[in-house]
Amino acid sequence: PAHSSEAPGIANISGHDSETSAANECAAAGMMPRLLWSLF
């Protein structure tokens, strides 16, 4: 959803769901691609 009932601060937005899933499935990825997954 484009909006949430609670507007979290930037630092509190969790990027773990899809980033962690992608990283776990792509075991060969090093630190740079993992950082980029998390950043985007």
PDB file of all heavy atoms in Angstrom:
ATOM      1  N   PRO A   1       0.828  -1.198   0.000  1.00  0.00           N
ATOM      2  CA  PRO A   1       0.000   0.000   0.000  1.00  0.00           C
ATOM      3  C   PRO A   1       0.859   1.244   0.000  1.00  0.00           C
ATOM      4  O   PRO A   1       1.943   1.280   0.584  1.00  0.00           O
ATOM      5  CB  PRO A   1      -0.801  -0.128   1.310  1.00  0.00           C
ATOM      6  CG  PRO A   1      -0.017  -1.071   2.159  1.00  0.00           C
ATOM      7  CD  PRO A   1       0.650  -2.021   1.202  1.00  0.00           C
ATOM      8  N   ALA A   2       0.370   2.267  -0.697  1.00  0.00           N
ATOM      9  CA  ALA A   2       1.149   3.505  -0.825  1.00  0.00           C
ATOM     10  C   ALA A   2       1.224   4.265   0.480  1.00  0.00           C
ATOM     11  O   ALA A   2       2.122   5.050   0.702  1.00  0.00           O
ATOM     12  CB  ALA A   2       0.534   4.387  -1.909  1.00  0.00           C
ATOM     13  N   HIS A   3       0.256   4.046   1.383  1.00  0.00           N
ATOM     14  CA  HIS A   3       0.228   4.795   2.632  1.00  0.00           C
ATOM     15  C   HIS A   3      -0.015   3.843   3.789  1.00  0.00           C
ATOM     16  O   HIS A   3      -0.642   2.793   3.653  1.00  0.00           O
ATOM     17  CB  HIS A   3      -0.866   5.872   2.597  1.00  0.00           C
ATOM     18  CG  HIS A   3      -0.665   6.855   1.487  1.00  0.00           C
ATOM     19  ND1 HIS A   3       0.276   7.847   1.549  1.00  0.00           N
ATOM     20  CD2 HIS A   3      -1.285   6.984   0.291  1.00  0.00           C
ATOM     21  CE1 HIS A   3       0.229   8.568   0.436  1.00  0.00           C
ATOM     22  NE2 HIS A   3      -0.714   8.050  -0.345  1.00  0.00           N
ATOM     23  N   SER A   4       0.457   4.243   4.943  1.00  0.00           N
ATOM     24  CA  SER A   4       0.280   3.441   6.144  1.00  0.00           C
ATOM     25  C   SER A   4      -0.386   4.305   7.196  1.00  0.00           C
ATOM     26  O   SER A   4      -0.214   5.518   7.214  1.00  0.00           O
ATOM     27  CB  SER A   4       1.645   2.943   6.650  1.00  0.00           C
ATOM     28  OG  SER A   4       1.503   2.343   7.918  1.00  0.00           O
ATOM     29  N   SER A   5      -1.144   3.669   8.100  1.00  0.00           N
ATOM     30  CA  SER A   5      -1.778   4.430   9.160  1.00  0.00           C
ATOM     31  C   SER A   5      -0.749   5.040  10.080  1.00  0.00           C
ATOM     32  O   SER A   5      -0.998   6.047  10.718  1.00  0.00           O
ATOM     33  CB  SER A   5      -2.727   3.520   9.958  1.00  0.00           C
ATOM     34  OG  SER A   5      -2.007   2.419  10.491  1.00  0.00           O
ATOM     35  N   GLU A   6       0.419   4.416  10.172  1.00  0.00           N
ATOM     36  CA  GLU A   6       1.523   4.973  10.927  1.00  0.00           C
ATOM     37  C   GLU A   6       2.629   5.279   9.951  1.00  0.00           C
ATOM     38  O   GLU A   6       3.080   4.416   9.216  1.00  0.00           O
ATOM     39  CB  GLU A   6       2.029   3.977  11.975  1.00  0.00           C
ATOM     40  CG  GLU A   6       1.016   3.674  13.064  1.00  0.00           C
ATOM     41  CD  GLU A   6       1.607   2.767  14.120  1.00  0.00           C
ATOM     42  OE1 GLU A   6       2.818   2.508  14.055  1.00  0.00           O
ATOM     43  OE2 GLU A   6       0.860   2.317  14.993  1.00  0.00           O
ATOM     44  N   ALA A   7       3.088   6.535   9.935  1.00  0.00           N
ATOM     45  CA  ALA A   7       4.146   6.940   9.015  1.00  0.00           C
ATOM     46  C   ALA A   7       5.479   6.799   9.717  1.00  0.00           C
ATOM     47  O   ALA A   7       5.862   7.645  10.516  1.00  0.00           O
ATOM     48  CB  ALA A   7       3.939   8.390   8.570  1.00  0.00           C
ATOM     49  N   PRO A   8       6.218   5.702   9.496  1.00  0.00           N
ATOM     50  CA  PRO A   8       7.485   5.492  10.190  1.00  0.00           C
ATOM     51  C   PRO A   8       8.562   6.415   9.659  1.00  0.00           C
ATOM     52  O   PRO A   8       8.503   6.882   8.533  1.00  0.00           O
ATOM     53  CB  PRO A   8       7.827   4.021   9.873  1.00  0.00           C
ATOM     54  CG  PRO A   8       7.155   3.779   8.558  1.00  0.00           C
ATOM     55  CD  PRO A   8       5.905   4.615   8.560  1.00  0.00           C
ATOM     56  N   GLY A   9       9.554   6.670  10.499  1.00  0.00           N
ATOM     57  CA  GLY A   9      10.686   7.454  10.044  1.00  0.00           C
ATOM     58  C   GLY A   9      11.528   6.639   9.093  1.00  0.00           C
ATOM     59  O   GLY A   9      11.457   5.414   9.048  1.00  0.00           O
ATOM     60  N   ILE A  10      12.372   7.314   8.321  1.00  0.00           N
ATOM     61  CA  ILE A  10      13.192   6.640   7.315  1.00  0.00           C
ATOM     62  C   ILE A  10      14.051   5.552   7.944  1.00  0.00           C
ATOM     63  O   ILE A  10      14.158   4.442   7.437  1.00  0.00           O
ATOM     64  CB  ILE A  10      14.076   7.658   6.581  1.00  0.00           C
ATOM     65  CG1 ILE A  10      13.206   8.540   5.691  1.00  0.00           C
ATOM     66  CG2 ILE A  10      15.135   6.962   5.735  1.00  0.00           C
ATOM     67  CD1 ILE A  10      13.990   9.614   4.980  1.00  0.00           C
ATOM     68  N   ALA A  11      14.674   5.868   9.066  1.00  0.00           N
ATOM     69  CA  ALA A  11      15.599   4.911   9.681  1.00  0.00           C
ATOM     70  C   ALA A  11      14.879   3.689  10.236  1.00  0.00           C
ATOM     71  O   ALA A  11      15.497   2.663  10.475  1.00  0.00           O
ATOM     72  CB  ALA A  11      16.392   5.595  10.800  1.00  0.00           C
ATOM     73  N   ASN A  12      13.544   3.796  10.443  1.00  0.00           N
ATOM     74  CA  ASN A  12      12.809   2.691  11.045  1.00  0.00           C
ATOM     75  C   ASN A  12      12.115   1.805  10.029  1.00  0.00           C
ATOM     76  O   ASN A  12      11.451   0.843  10.391  1.00  0.00           O
ATOM     77  CB  ASN A  12      11.761   3.244  12.023  1.00  0.00           C
ATOM     78  CG  ASN A  12      12.417   3.941  13.194  1.00  0.00           C
ATOM     79  OD1 ASN A  12      13.470   3.521  13.650  1.00  0.00           O
ATOM     80  ND2 ASN A  12      11.812   5.023  13.664  1.00  0.00           N
ATOM     81  N   ILE A  13      12.245   2.147   8.736  1.00  0.00           N
ATOM     82  CA  ILE A  13      11.598   1.323   7.708  1.00  0.00           C
ATOM     83  C   ILE A  13      12.392   0.033   7.556  1.00  0.00           C
ATOM     84  O   ILE A  13      13.589   0.051   7.305  1.00  0.00           O
ATOM     85  CB  ILE A  13      11.520   2.070   6.377  1.00  0.00           C
ATOM     86  CG1 ILE A  13      10.475   3.160   6.492  1.00  0.00           C
ATOM     87  CG2 ILE A  13      11.233   1.119   5.245  1.00  0.00           C
ATOM     88  CD1 ILE A  13       9.704   3.459   5.262  1.00  0.00           C
ATOM     89  N   SER A  14      11.736  -1.093   7.711  1.00  0.00           N
ATOM     90  CA  SER A  14      12.436  -2.372   7.615  1.00  0.00           C
ATOM     91  C   SER A  14      12.612  -2.770   6.169  1.00  0.00           C
ATOM     92  O   SER A  14      11.673  -2.778   5.398  1.00  0.00           O
ATOM     93  CB  SER A  14      11.634  -3.455   8.351  1.00  0.00           C
ATOM     94  OG  SER A  14      12.213  -4.714   8.126  1.00  0.00           O
ATOM     95  N   GLY A  15      13.862  -3.115   5.810  1.00  0.00           N
ATOM     96  CA  GLY A  15      14.123  -3.597   4.465  1.00  0.00           C
ATOM     97  C   GLY A  15      14.447  -5.068   4.456  1.00  0.00           C
ATOM     98  O   GLY A  15      15.057  -5.565   3.531  1.00  0.00           O
ATOM     99  N   HIS A  16      14.049  -5.772   5.488  1.00  0.00           N
ATOM    100  CA  HIS A  16      14.513  -7.144   5.634  1.00  0.00           C
ATOM    101  C   HIS A  16      13.685  -8.168   4.865  1.00  0.00           C
ATOM    102  O   HIS A  16      14.198  -9.212   4.523  1.00  0.00           O
ATOM    103  CB  HIS A  16      14.548  -7.528   7.121  1.00  0.00           C
ATOM    104  CG  HIS A  16      15.600  -6.812   7.884  1.00  0.00           C
ATOM    105  ND1 HIS A  16      16.872  -7.310   8.045  1.00  0.00           N
ATOM    106  CD2 HIS A  16      15.600  -5.610   8.502  1.00  0.00           C
ATOM    107  CE1 HIS A  16      17.594  -6.460   8.749  1.00  0.00           C
ATOM    108  NE2 HIS A  16      16.842  -5.433   9.040  1.00  0.00           N
ATOM    109  N   ASP A  17      12.400  -7.878   4.608  1.00  0.00           N
ATOM    110  CA  ASP A  17      11.552  -8.916   4.048  1.00  0.00           C
ATOM    111  C   ASP A  17      12.041  -9.414   2.699  1.00  0.00           C
ATOM    112  O   ASP A  17      12.525 -10.518   2.565  1.00  0.00           O
ATOM    113  CB  ASP A  17      10.113  -8.393   3.921  1.00  0.00           C
ATOM    114  CG  ASP A  17       9.523  -8.100   5.294  1.00  0.00           C
ATOM    115  OD1 ASP A  17      10.055  -8.661   6.265  1.00  0.00           O
ATOM    116  OD2 ASP A  17       8.556  -7.342   5.366  1.00  0.00           O
ATOM    117  N   SER A  18      11.928  -8.580   1.646  1.00  0.00           N
ATOM    118  CA  SER A  18      12.312  -9.039   0.321  1.00  0.00           C
ATOM    119  C   SER A  18      13.813  -9.084   0.154  1.00  0.00           C
ATOM    120  O   SER A  18      14.345  -9.905  -0.571  1.00  0.00           O
ATOM    121  CB  SER A  18      11.688  -8.123  -0.747  1.00  0.00           C
ATOM    122  OG  SER A  18      12.087  -6.794  -0.543  1.00  0.00           O
ATOM    123  N   GLU A  19      14.530  -8.191   0.846  1.00  0.00           N
ATOM    124  CA  GLU A  19      15.986  -8.184   0.732  1.00  0.00           C
ATOM    125  C   GLU A  19      16.579  -9.457   1.306  1.00  0.00           C
ATOM    126  O   GLU A  19      17.434 -10.096   0.711  1.00  0.00           O
ATOM    127  CB  GLU A  19      16.547  -6.948   1.454  1.00  0.00           C
ATOM    128  CG  GLU A  19      18.074  -6.931   1.566  1.00  0.00           C
ATOM    129  CD  GLU A  19      18.546  -7.465   2.898  1.00  0.00           C
ATOM    130  OE1 GLU A  19      17.909  -7.195   3.910  1.00  0.00           O
ATOM    131  OE2 GLU A  19      19.564  -8.165   2.914  1.00  0.00           O
ATOM    132  N   THR A  20      16.099  -9.857   2.480  1.00  0.00           N
ATOM    133  CA  THR A  20      16.611 -11.071   3.097  1.00  0.00           C
ATOM    134  C   THR A  20      16.232 -12.289   2.272  1.00  0.00           C
ATOM    135  O   THR A  20      17.024 -13.216   2.098  1.00  0.00           O
ATOM    136  CB  THR A  20      16.060 -11.210   4.527  1.00  0.00           C
ATOM    137  OG1 THR A  20      16.446 -10.057   5.281  1.00  0.00           O
ATOM    138  CG2 THR A  20      16.609 -12.451   5.199  1.00  0.00           C
ATOM    139  N   SER A  21      15.022 -12.317   1.729  1.00  0.00           N
ATOM    140  CA  SER A  21      14.583 -13.436   0.902  1.00  0.00           C
ATOM    141  C   SER A  21      15.470 -13.576  -0.322  1.00  0.00           C
ATOM    142  O   SER A  21      15.924 -14.667  -0.660  1.00  0.00           O
ATOM    143  CB  SER A  21      13.130 -13.227   0.477  1.00  0.00           C
ATOM    144  OG  SER A  21      12.727 -14.242  -0.400  1.00  0.00           O
ATOM    145  N   ALA A  22      15.749 -12.445  -1.008  1.00  0.00           N
ATOM    146  CA  ALA A  22      16.599 -12.488  -2.193  1.00  0.00           C
ATOM    147  C   ALA A  22      18.001 -12.943  -1.844  1.00  0.00           C
ATOM    148  O   ALA A  22      18.595 -13.765  -2.527  1.00  0.00           O
ATOM    149  CB  ALA A  22      16.632 -11.116  -2.851  1.00  0.00           C
ATOM    150  N   ALA A  23      18.533 -12.405  -0.752  1.00  0.00           N
ATOM    151  CA  ALA A  23      19.900 -12.748  -0.361  1.00  0.00           C
ATOM    152  C   ALA A  23      20.011 -14.216   0.011  1.00  0.00           C
ATOM    153  O   ALA A  23      20.986 -14.886  -0.337  1.00  0.00           O
ATOM    154  CB  ALA A  23      20.347 -11.864   0.806  1.00  0.00           C
ATOM    155  N   ASN A  24      19.010 -14.731   0.736  1.00  0.00           N
ATOM    156  CA  ASN A  24      19.058 -16.129   1.139  1.00  0.00           C
ATOM    157  C   ASN A  24      18.992 -17.063  -0.058  1.00  0.00           C
ATOM    158  O   ASN A  24      19.610 -18.123  -0.074  1.00  0.00           O
ATOM    159  CB  ASN A  24      17.903 -16.436   2.101  1.00  0.00           C
ATOM    160  CG  ASN A  24      18.134 -15.849   3.479  1.00  0.00           C
ATOM    161  OD1 ASN A  24      19.263 -15.518   3.828  1.00  0.00           O
ATOM    162  ND2 ASN A  24      17.076 -15.710   4.244  1.00  0.00           N
ATOM    163  N   GLU A  25      18.217 -16.681  -1.080  1.00  0.00           N
ATOM    164  CA  GLU A  25      18.077 -17.538  -2.244  1.00  0.00           C
ATOM    165  C   GLU A  25      19.275 -17.424  -3.171  1.00  0.00           C
ATOM    166  O   GLU A  25      19.537 -18.339  -3.960  1.00  0.00           O
ATOM    167  CB  GLU A  25      16.792 -17.171  -2.992  1.00  0.00           C
ATOM    168  CG  GLU A  25      15.529 -17.524  -2.221  1.00  0.00           C
ATOM    169  CD  GLU A  25      14.292 -17.339  -3.063  1.00  0.00           C
ATOM    170  OE1 GLU A  25      14.293 -17.784  -4.221  1.00  0.00           O
ATOM    171  OE2 GLU A  25      13.327 -16.749  -2.568  1.00  0.00           O
ATOM    172  N   CYS A  26      19.987 -16.327  -3.133  1.00  0.00           N
ATOM    173  CA  CYS A  26      21.157 -16.125  -3.988  1.00  0.00           C
ATOM    174  C   CYS A  26      22.409 -16.234  -3.122  1.00  0.00           C
ATOM    175  O   CYS A  26      23.029 -15.233  -2.771  1.00  0.00           O
ATOM    176  CB  CYS A  26      21.072 -14.764  -4.677  1.00  0.00           C
ATOM    177  SG  CYS A  26      22.247 -14.579  -6.038  1.00  0.00           S
ATOM    178  N   ALA A  27      22.764 -17.455  -2.768  1.00  0.00           N
ATOM    179  CA  ALA A  27      23.830 -17.684  -1.801  1.00  0.00           C
ATOM    180  C   ALA A  27      25.184 -17.221  -2.293  1.00  0.00           C
ATOM    181  O   ALA A  27      26.080 -16.924  -1.495  1.00  0.00           O
ATOM    182  CB  ALA A  27      23.888 -19.178  -1.449  1.00  0.00           C
ATOM    183  N   ALA A  28      25.389 -17.136  -3.634  1.00  0.00           N
ATOM    184  CA  ALA A  28      26.696 -16.776  -4.178  1.00  0.00           C
ATOM    185  C   ALA A  28      26.976 -15.284  -4.081  1.00  0.00           C
ATOM    186  O   ALA A  28      28.109 -14.850  -4.282  1.00  0.00           O
ATOM    187  CB  ALA A  28      26.781 -17.207  -5.643  1.00  0.00           C
ATOM    188  N   ALA A  29      25.961 -14.479  -3.766  1.00  0.00           N
ATOM    189  CA  ALA A  29      26.127 -13.018  -3.752  1.00  0.00           C
ATOM    190  C   ALA A  29      27.048 -12.574  -2.628  1.00  0.00           C
ATOM    191  O   ALA A  29      26.951 -13.041  -1.494  1.00  0.00           O
ATOM    192  CB  ALA A  29      24.768 -12.347  -3.609  1.00  0.00           C
ATOM    193  N   GLY A  30      27.949 -11.646  -2.964  1.00  0.00           N
ATOM    194  CA  GLY A  30      28.861 -11.091  -1.978  1.00  0.00           C
ATOM    195  C   GLY A  30      28.265  -9.890  -1.273  1.00  0.00           C
ATOM    196  O   GLY A  30      27.075  -9.615  -1.343  1.00  0.00           O
ATOM    197  N   MET A  31      29.141  -9.122  -0.596  1.00  0.00           N
ATOM    198  CA  MET A  31      28.670  -8.009   0.222  1.00  0.00           C
ATOM    199  C   MET A  31      28.064  -6.890  -0.622  1.00  0.00           C
ATOM    200  O   MET A  31      27.044  -6.296  -0.251  1.00  0.00           O
ATOM    201  CB  MET A  31      29.811  -7.457   1.078  1.00  0.00           C
ATOM    202  CG  MET A  31      30.488  -8.494   1.980  1.00  0.00           C
ATOM    203  SD  MET A  31      29.367  -9.412   3.071  1.00  0.00           S
ATOM    204  CE  MET A  31      29.284 -11.016   2.230  1.00  0.00           C
ATOM    205  N   MET A  32      28.658  -6.562  -1.760  1.00  0.00           N
ATOM    206  CA  MET A  32      28.162  -5.446  -2.578  1.00  0.00           C
ATOM    207  C   MET A  32      26.753  -5.689  -3.107  1.00  0.00           C
ATOM    208  O   MET A  32      25.873  -4.833  -2.942  1.00  0.00           O
ATOM    209  CB  MET A  32      29.137  -5.135  -3.705  1.00  0.00           C
ATOM    210  CG  MET A  32      30.437  -4.508  -3.239  1.00  0.00           C
ATOM    211  SD  MET A  32      31.447  -3.868  -4.588  1.00  0.00           S
ATOM    212  CE  MET A  32      31.816  -5.365  -5.499  1.00  0.00           C
ATOM    213  N   PRO A  33      26.464  -6.831  -3.751  1.00  0.00           N
ATOM    214  CA  PRO A  33      25.084  -7.042  -4.199  1.00  0.00           C
ATOM    215  C   PRO A  33      24.093  -7.116  -3.053  1.00  0.00           C
ATOM    216  O   PRO A  33      22.949  -6.665  -3.178  1.00  0.00           O
ATOM    217  CB  PRO A  33      25.154  -8.361  -4.983  1.00  0.00           C
ATOM    218  CG  PRO A  33      26.441  -8.991  -4.637  1.00  0.00           C
ATOM    219  CD  PRO A  33      27.369  -7.889  -4.267  1.00  0.00           C
ATOM    220  N   ARG A  34      24.505  -7.646  -1.917  1.00  0.00           N
ATOM    221  CA  ARG A  34      23.599  -7.701  -0.768  1.00  0.00           C
ATOM    222  C   ARG A  34      23.288  -6.292  -0.254  1.00  0.00           C
ATOM    223  O   ARG A  34      22.147  -5.980   0.118  1.00  0.00           O
ATOM    224  CB  ARG A  34      24.198  -8.567   0.343  1.00  0.00           C
ATOM    225  CG  ARG A  34      24.214 -10.051   0.008  1.00  0.00           C
ATOM    226  CD  ARG A  34      25.006 -10.875   1.011  1.00  0.00           C
ATOM    227  NE  ARG A  34      25.137 -12.238   0.516  1.00  0.00           N
ATOM    228  CZ  ARG A  34      24.255 -13.205   0.744  1.00  0.00           C
ATOM    229  NH1 ARG A  34      23.195 -12.969   1.496  1.00  0.00           N
ATOM    230  NH2 ARG A  34      24.440 -14.417   0.252  1.00  0.00           N
ATOM    231  N   LEU A  35      24.303  -5.435  -0.214  1.00  0.00           N
ATOM    232  CA  LEU A  35      24.084  -4.045   0.190  1.00  0.00           C
ATOM    233  C   LEU A  35      23.141  -3.343  -0.781  1.00  0.00           C
ATOM    234  O   LEU A  35      22.257  -2.580  -0.368  1.00  0.00           O
ATOM    235  CB  LEU A  35      25.416  -3.295   0.254  1.00  0.00           C
ATOM    236  CG  LEU A  35      26.267  -3.528   1.506  1.00  0.00           C
ATOM    237  CD1 LEU A  35      27.677  -2.981   1.298  1.00  0.00           C
ATOM    238  CD2 LEU A  35      25.628  -2.855   2.710  1.00  0.00           C
ATOM    239  N   LEU A  36      23.326  -3.594  -2.081  1.00  0.00           N
ATOM    240  CA  LEU A  36      22.480  -2.944  -3.081  1.00  0.00           C
ATOM    241  C   LEU A  36      21.041  -3.452  -2.987  1.00  0.00           C
ATOM    242  O   LEU A  36      20.089  -2.672  -3.117  1.00  0.00           O
ATOM    243  CB  LEU A  36      23.038  -3.182  -4.481  1.00  0.00           C
ATOM    244  CG  LEU A  36      24.332  -2.422  -4.797  1.00  0.00           C
ATOM    245  CD1 LEU A  36      24.896  -2.856  -6.136  1.00  0.00           C
ATOM    246  CD2 LEU A  36      24.084  -0.920  -4.788  1.00  0.00           C
ATOM    247  N   TRP A  37      20.853  -4.755  -2.764  1.00  0.00           N
ATOM    248  CA  TRP A  37      19.501  -5.285  -2.567  1.00  0.00           C
ATOM    249  C   TRP A  37      18.816  -4.549  -1.418  1.00  0.00           C
ATOM    250  O   TRP A  37      17.672  -4.112  -1.521  1.00  0.00           O
ATOM    251  CB  TRP A  37      19.548  -6.781  -2.254  1.00  0.00           C
ATOM    252  CG  TRP A  37      19.530  -7.662  -3.465  1.00  0.00           C
ATOM    253  CD1 TRP A  37      18.846  -7.449  -4.631  1.00  0.00           C
ATOM    254  CD2 TRP A  37      20.227  -8.895  -3.617  1.00  0.00           C
ATOM    255  NE1 TRP A  37      19.087  -8.476  -5.507  1.00  0.00           N
ATOM    256  CE2 TRP A  37      19.920  -9.378  -4.921  1.00  0.00           C
ATOM    257  CE3 TRP A  37      21.068  -9.643  -2.803  1.00  0.00           C
ATOM    258  CZ2 TRP A  37      20.428 -10.575  -5.407  1.00  0.00           C
ATOM    259  CZ3 TRP A  37      21.575 -10.836  -3.289  1.00  0.00           C
ATOM    260  CH2 TRP A  37      21.257 -11.290  -4.572  1.00  0.00           C
ATOM    261  N   SER A  38      19.546  -4.427  -0.302  1.00  0.00           N
ATOM    262  CA  SER A  38      18.975  -3.790   0.873  1.00  0.00           C
ATOM    263  C   SER A  38      18.683  -2.314   0.612  1.00  0.00           C
ATOM    264  O   SER A  38      17.631  -1.797   0.988  1.00  0.00           O
ATOM    265  CB  SER A  38      19.942  -3.938   2.058  1.00  0.00           C
ATOM    266  OG  SER A  38      19.411  -3.333   3.219  1.00  0.00           O
ATOM    267  N   LEU A  39      19.614  -1.625  -0.058  1.00  0.00           N
ATOM    268  CA  LEU A  39      19.455  -0.197  -0.327  1.00  0.00           C
ATOM    269  C   LEU A  39      18.228   0.073  -1.202  1.00  0.00           C
ATOM    270  O   LEU A  39      17.386   0.921  -0.885  1.00  0.00           O
ATOM    271  CB  LEU A  39      20.717   0.350  -1.003  1.00  0.00           C
ATOM    272  CG  LEU A  39      20.676   1.821  -1.414  1.00  0.00           C
ATOM    273  CD1 LEU A  39      20.492   2.720  -0.197  1.00  0.00           C
ATOM    274  CD2 LEU A  39      21.962   2.196  -2.159  1.00  0.00           C
ATOM    275  N   PHE A  40      18.110  -0.653  -2.315  1.00  0.00           N
ATOM    276  CA  PHE A  40      16.995  -0.405  -3.225  1.00  0.00           C
ATOM    277  C   PHE A  40      15.672  -0.885  -2.633  1.00  0.00           C
ATOM    278  O   PHE A  40      14.614  -0.330  -2.934  1.00  0.00           O
ATOM    279  CB  PHE A  40      17.264  -1.062  -4.581  1.00  0.00           C
ATOM    280  CG  PHE A  40      18.176  -0.241  -5.452  1.00  0.00           C
ATOM    281  CD1 PHE A  40      19.538  -0.487  -5.482  1.00  0.00           C
ATOM    282  CD2 PHE A  40      17.672   0.794  -6.226  1.00  0.00           C
ATOM    283  CE1 PHE A  40      20.386   0.269  -6.271  1.00  0.00           C
ATOM    284  CE2 PHE A  40      18.511   1.560  -7.025  1.00  0.00           C
ATOM    285  CZ  PHE A  40      19.867   1.305  -7.040  1.00  0.00           C
TER     286      PHE A  40
END
